[in-house]
């Protein structure tokens, strides 16, 4: 989860002044630039019954362009979370290569790697050291964002599920990633805090890519500009949101066929 990012010293997200906009239309970053993800002959499978294998994806060659917000769709159980984990580096794949240009996030809001005996602040400092971020700036950001108050100095094991989610989202937003991975993030806290999370995340996405595994159609239409579909062991990319949603809708009526070998 907390793999070291490229570079030696990184500011906490939100502390670097934005570059002034160039005259005229905004510049399009190169498709293979920072934040892009390229699949080169990637295969991922699991053992299935009778000694065969179920393929999540097979011989995949695809580029997720830099700067794009991509919705990853597929019916339940098709392997979307597996795809997110292999992109983040948390899980291995069988063969091929995934080329990630720049800093890839762990799945936003994931709290499974926090040490239960360390306080929230100590966990935040640990993540800051791993990523080469100023530890005091990290704790200040997380403290202000999470609104945990004195609980930030209490052991993580004492946190409720909502408090854990607040800490995890705050730490996720404090690290400046080139590509954010979002795997069905659930709402946290009251409406005011949810609005705060959404506003902060939208700000991060202005200068970053994102891959979002979600079933929320309104979120897809408001936040994404491309659709990737995982179906029958194949990963396909659609530049048109509407076309991608139509293909996904059709796939819902024809579930994956077993791709065993």
Protein backbone atom coordinates (compact mmCIF):
# COMPACT_ATOMS: atom_id res chain seq x y z
CA UNK A 1 0.00 0.00 0.00
CA UNK A 2 2.58 2.57 1.09
CA UNK A 3 5.18 1.89 -1.61
CA UNK A 4 7.83 4.56 -1.97
CA UNK A 5 7.06 7.22 -4.59
CA UNK A 6 9.57 8.47 -7.12
CA UNK A 7 11.64 11.43 -6.00
CA UNK A 8 13.26 12.25 -2.71
CA UNK A 9 11.21 15.08 -1.24
CA UNK A 10 7.54 15.75 -1.94
CA UNK A 11 5.31 18.50 -0.56
CA UNK A 12 1.99 17.70 1.10
CA UNK A 13 -0.74 17.91 -1.52
CA UNK A 14 -2.28 21.32 -1.80
CA UNK A 15 0.80 23.24 -0.63
CA UNK A 16 2.28 23.85 -4.09
CA UNK A 17 0.98 26.90 -6.01
CA UNK A 18 -0.81 25.95 -9.21
CA UNK A 19 0.91 26.85 -12.48
CA UNK A 20 -0.72 29.79 -14.27
CA UNK A 21 -2.97 28.72 -17.11
CA UNK A 22 -1.52 29.15 -20.58
CA UNK A 23 -3.30 31.56 -22.94
CA UNK A 24 -6.03 29.96 -25.03
CA UNK A 25 -7.19 26.38 -24.69
CA UNK A 26 -5.63 24.27 -21.92
CA UNK A 27 -2.73 22.12 -23.03
CA UNK A 28 -3.36 18.41 -23.35
CA UNK A 29 -0.68 16.37 -21.61
CA UNK A 30 0.95 13.53 -23.58
CA UNK A 31 -1.05 10.30 -23.36
CA UNK A 32 2.03 8.50 -22.01
CA UNK A 33 2.92 11.27 -19.53
CA UNK A 34 2.85 11.24 -15.74
CA UNK A 35 -0.28 9.55 -14.47
CA UNK A 36 -0.57 7.14 -17.40
CA UNK A 37 -0.83 3.36 -17.02
CA UNK A 38 0.20 1.00 -19.82
CA UNK A 39 -0.61 -2.72 -19.90
CA UNK A 40 1.87 -4.76 -21.94
CA UNK A 41 0.75 -8.37 -22.55
CA UNK A 42 -0.66 -8.52 -19.02
CA UNK A 43 -2.33 -11.72 -17.83
CA UNK A 44 -3.91 -12.30 -14.43
CA UNK A 45 -5.65 -15.55 -13.46
CA UNK A 46 -6.69 -17.65 -10.48
CA UNK A 47 -6.93 -21.43 -10.07
CA UNK A 48 -10.42 -22.75 -10.60
CA UNK A 49 -12.04 -26.17 -10.37
CA UNK A 50 -10.66 -29.24 -12.15
CA UNK A 51 -7.16 -27.78 -12.33
CA UNK A 52 -8.17 -25.02 -14.74
CA UNK A 53 -7.68 -21.25 -14.36
CA UNK A 54 -10.12 -18.37 -14.42
CA UNK A 55 -8.72 -15.38 -16.28
CA UNK A 56 -9.38 -11.89 -14.98
CA UNK A 57 -7.54 -10.45 -17.96
CA UNK A 58 -5.53 -12.18 -20.67
CA UNK A 59 -2.77 -10.79 -22.93
CA UNK A 60 -3.95 -7.22 -22.31
CA UNK A 61 -2.30 -4.39 -24.27
CA UNK A 62 -3.86 -1.05 -23.39
CA UNK A 63 -2.96 2.52 -22.42
CA UNK A 64 -4.84 4.53 -19.80
CA UNK A 65 -3.83 8.05 -20.93
CA UNK A 66 -2.35 10.62 -18.57
CA UNK A 67 -4.72 13.23 -17.21
CA UNK A 68 -7.88 11.20 -17.84
CA UNK A 69 -10.48 10.19 -15.28
CA UNK A 70 -11.44 6.65 -16.20
CA UNK A 71 -14.42 4.71 -14.85
CA UNK A 72 -13.64 1.00 -14.52
CA UNK A 73 -16.85 -0.98 -15.06
CA UNK A 74 -17.82 -4.63 -14.97
CA UNK A 75 -20.40 -6.79 -13.23
CA UNK A 76 -19.87 -7.94 -9.64
CA UNK A 77 -17.13 -10.54 -9.31
CA UNK A 78 -15.50 -9.81 -12.67
CA UNK A 79 -12.24 -8.69 -11.02
CA UNK A 80 -12.34 -4.87 -10.79
CA UNK A 81 -10.82 -4.81 -7.31
CA UNK A 82 -8.15 -7.25 -8.47
CA UNK A 83 -7.30 -4.90 -11.35
CA UNK A 84 -7.00 -1.97 -8.93
CA UNK A 85 -4.67 -3.97 -6.68
CA UNK A 86 -2.35 -5.05 -9.49
CA UNK A 87 -2.20 -1.47 -10.79
CA UNK A 88 -1.31 -0.21 -7.30
CA UNK A 89 1.34 -2.92 -6.92
CA UNK A 90 -0.40 -4.59 -4.00
CA UNK A 91 -0.94 -7.83 -5.92
CA UNK A 92 1.06 -9.73 -8.51
CA UNK A 93 -0.06 -10.73 -12.00
CA UNK A 94 0.92 -13.82 -13.98
CA UNK A 95 2.89 -12.30 -16.85
CA UNK A 96 3.47 -9.14 -18.84
CA UNK A 97 4.21 -5.69 -17.49
CA UNK A 98 2.25 -2.77 -16.08
CA UNK A 99 4.09 0.49 -16.69
CA UNK A 100 2.94 3.23 -14.29
CA UNK A 101 4.34 6.66 -15.11
CA UNK A 102 4.57 8.67 -11.91
CA UNK A 103 3.17 8.18 -8.43
CA UNK A 104 0.20 5.81 -8.14
CA UNK A 105 -2.00 5.97 -5.07
CA UNK A 106 -3.20 3.08 -2.98
CA UNK A 107 -7.03 2.69 -3.17
CA UNK A 108 -8.34 5.93 -1.69
CA UNK A 109 -9.71 5.56 1.82
CA UNK A 110 -8.03 2.20 2.44
CA UNK A 111 -7.05 1.86 6.10
CA UNK A 112 -5.91 -1.77 6.23
CA UNK A 113 -2.20 -0.92 6.45
CA UNK A 114 -2.40 1.32 9.53
CA UNK A 115 -0.73 -0.12 12.64
CA UNK A 116 -3.34 -0.71 15.36
CA UNK A 117 -1.05 0.17 18.28
CA UNK A 118 0.18 3.43 16.76
CA UNK A 119 -1.82 6.63 17.11
CA UNK A 120 -3.46 8.28 14.15
CA UNK A 121 -0.73 10.92 14.13
CA UNK A 122 2.03 8.29 14.29
CA UNK A 123 0.49 6.40 11.39
CA UNK A 124 0.31 9.62 9.39
CA UNK A 125 3.96 10.39 10.14
CA UNK A 126 4.96 6.88 9.07
CA UNK A 127 3.22 7.32 5.71
CA UNK A 128 4.89 10.74 5.33
CA UNK A 129 8.35 9.24 5.86
CA UNK A 130 7.68 6.46 3.34
CA UNK A 131 6.72 9.02 0.70
CA UNK A 132 9.35 11.62 1.54
CA UNK A 133 6.86 14.18 2.81
CA UNK A 134 7.39 16.63 5.67
CA UNK A 135 5.95 14.81 8.69
CA UNK A 136 4.72 17.92 10.53
CA UNK A 137 2.96 19.20 7.42
CA UNK A 138 1.33 15.80 6.97
CA UNK A 139 0.00 15.70 10.54
CA UNK A 140 -1.23 19.31 10.32
CA UNK A 141 -3.11 18.53 7.09
CA UNK A 142 -4.62 15.30 8.42
CA UNK A 143 -5.59 16.93 11.73
CA UNK A 144 -7.38 19.78 9.99
CA UNK A 145 -9.00 17.57 7.36
CA UNK A 146 -10.11 14.61 9.49
CA UNK A 147 -11.42 16.72 12.39
CA UNK A 148 -10.51 13.89 14.78
CA UNK A 149 -9.34 16.27 17.50
CA UNK A 150 -7.73 14.55 20.50
CA UNK A 151 -8.47 11.15 18.97
CA UNK A 152 -5.60 11.74 16.54
CA UNK A 153 -3.28 11.01 19.48
CA UNK A 154 -5.05 7.79 20.47
CA UNK A 155 -4.22 4.26 19.22
CA UNK A 156 -5.76 3.41 15.85
CA UNK A 157 -7.31 0.23 17.33
CA UNK A 158 -9.64 2.42 19.43
CA UNK A 159 -11.13 4.13 16.37
CA UNK A 160 -14.66 3.53 15.15
CA UNK A 161 -15.11 2.63 11.48
CA UNK A 162 -16.06 6.22 10.70
CA UNK A 163 -12.97 7.60 12.43
CA UNK A 164 -10.77 5.12 10.57
CA UNK A 165 -12.28 6.26 7.29
CA UNK A 166 -11.69 9.92 8.14
CA UNK A 167 -8.03 9.25 8.96
CA UNK A 168 -7.54 7.13 5.83
CA UNK A 169 -9.12 9.68 3.51
CA UNK A 170 -7.14 12.52 5.10
CA UNK A 171 -3.84 10.66 4.66
CA UNK A 172 -4.80 9.76 1.07
CA UNK A 173 -5.50 13.40 0.20
CA UNK A 174 -2.26 14.61 1.82
CA UNK A 175 -0.01 12.71 -0.61
CA UNK A 176 0.39 14.29 -4.08
CA UNK A 177 -0.25 11.45 -6.52
CA UNK A 178 -0.10 11.54 -10.31
CA UNK A 179 -2.90 8.97 -10.50
CA UNK A 180 -5.55 8.25 -7.89
CA UNK A 181 -7.13 4.80 -7.59
CA UNK A 182 -10.69 4.77 -6.28
CA UNK A 183 -12.34 1.44 -5.46
CA UNK A 184 -15.95 2.05 -4.46
CA UNK A 185 -15.25 4.66 -1.81
CA UNK A 186 -18.15 4.86 0.63
CA UNK A 187 -19.49 8.08 2.07
CA UNK A 188 -17.93 9.17 5.36
CA UNK A 189 -19.50 11.28 8.07
CA UNK A 190 -22.29 13.83 7.78
CA UNK A 191 -23.21 15.80 4.65
CA UNK A 192 -20.86 18.67 5.49
CA UNK A 193 -17.89 16.32 5.78
CA UNK A 194 -18.90 14.38 2.64
CA UNK A 195 -19.03 17.67 0.73
CA UNK A 196 -15.61 18.54 2.11
CA UNK A 197 -14.20 15.20 0.88
CA UNK A 198 -15.74 15.64 -2.56
CA UNK A 199 -14.41 19.19 -2.92
CA UNK A 200 -10.88 18.18 -1.89
CA UNK A 201 -10.88 15.17 -4.20
CA UNK A 202 -12.11 17.25 -7.15
CA UNK A 203 -9.27 19.69 -6.49
CA UNK A 204 -6.71 16.88 -6.58
CA UNK A 205 -8.11 15.61 -9.88
CA UNK A 206 -7.53 18.93 -11.64
CA UNK A 207 -3.88 18.00 -12.07
CA UNK A 208 -3.99 14.20 -11.78
CA UNK A 209 -5.35 11.11 -13.46
CA UNK A 210 -7.83 8.76 -11.81
CA UNK A 211 -9.10 5.22 -12.24
CA UNK A 212 -12.43 4.72 -10.49
CA UNK A 213 -14.16 1.38 -9.96
CA UNK A 214 -17.74 2.42 -9.33
CA UNK A 215 -21.39 1.61 -10.05
CA UNK A 216 -22.53 5.19 -9.43
CA UNK A 217 -23.73 6.48 -12.83
CA UNK A 218 -24.09 10.10 -11.69
CA UNK A 219 -20.51 10.01 -10.38
CA UNK A 220 -19.28 8.55 -13.67
CA UNK A 221 -21.01 11.23 -15.75
CA UNK A 222 -19.87 14.09 -13.52
CA UNK A 223 -16.28 13.04 -12.81
CA UNK A 224 -15.09 10.74 -15.62
CA UNK A 225 -14.26 11.32 -19.28
CA UNK A 226 -13.52 7.75 -20.39
CA UNK A 227 -14.84 4.26 -19.59
CA UNK A 228 -12.85 1.03 -19.26
CA UNK A 229 -14.81 -2.22 -19.24
CA UNK A 230 -13.60 -5.52 -17.82
CA UNK A 231 -15.61 -8.38 -19.33
CA UNK A 232 -14.96 -11.98 -20.30
CA UNK A 233 -11.23 -11.69 -19.56
CA UNK A 234 -10.78 -8.59 -21.72
CA UNK A 235 -10.17 -4.97 -20.77
CA UNK A 236 -11.48 -2.41 -23.28
CA UNK A 237 -11.31 1.40 -23.29
CA UNK A 238 -14.04 3.72 -24.61
CA UNK A 239 -13.34 7.46 -25.11
CA UNK A 240 -17.12 8.11 -25.12
CA UNK A 241 -18.86 7.84 -21.75
CA UNK A 242 -22.21 7.14 -23.38
CA UNK A 243 -20.83 4.38 -25.61
CA UNK A 244 -19.05 2.79 -22.68
CA UNK A 245 -22.20 2.80 -20.56
CA UNK A 246 -24.20 1.25 -23.39
CA UNK A 247 -21.66 -1.56 -23.78
CA UNK A 248 -21.64 -2.11 -20.02
CA UNK A 249 -25.44 -2.25 -19.99
CA UNK A 250 -25.41 -4.87 -22.76
CA UNK A 251 -22.77 -6.89 -20.89
CA UNK A 252 -25.00 -6.97 -17.83
CA UNK A 253 -27.43 -9.05 -19.86
CA UNK A 254 -24.69 -11.49 -20.92
CA UNK A 255 -22.47 -12.38 -17.93
CA UNK A 256 -18.86 -13.42 -18.38
CA UNK A 257 -18.26 -16.75 -20.04
CA UNK A 258 -15.68 -18.86 -18.23
CA UNK A 259 -12.26 -18.34 -19.82
CA UNK A 260 -10.41 -21.37 -18.56
CA UNK A 261 -7.32 -23.05 -19.86
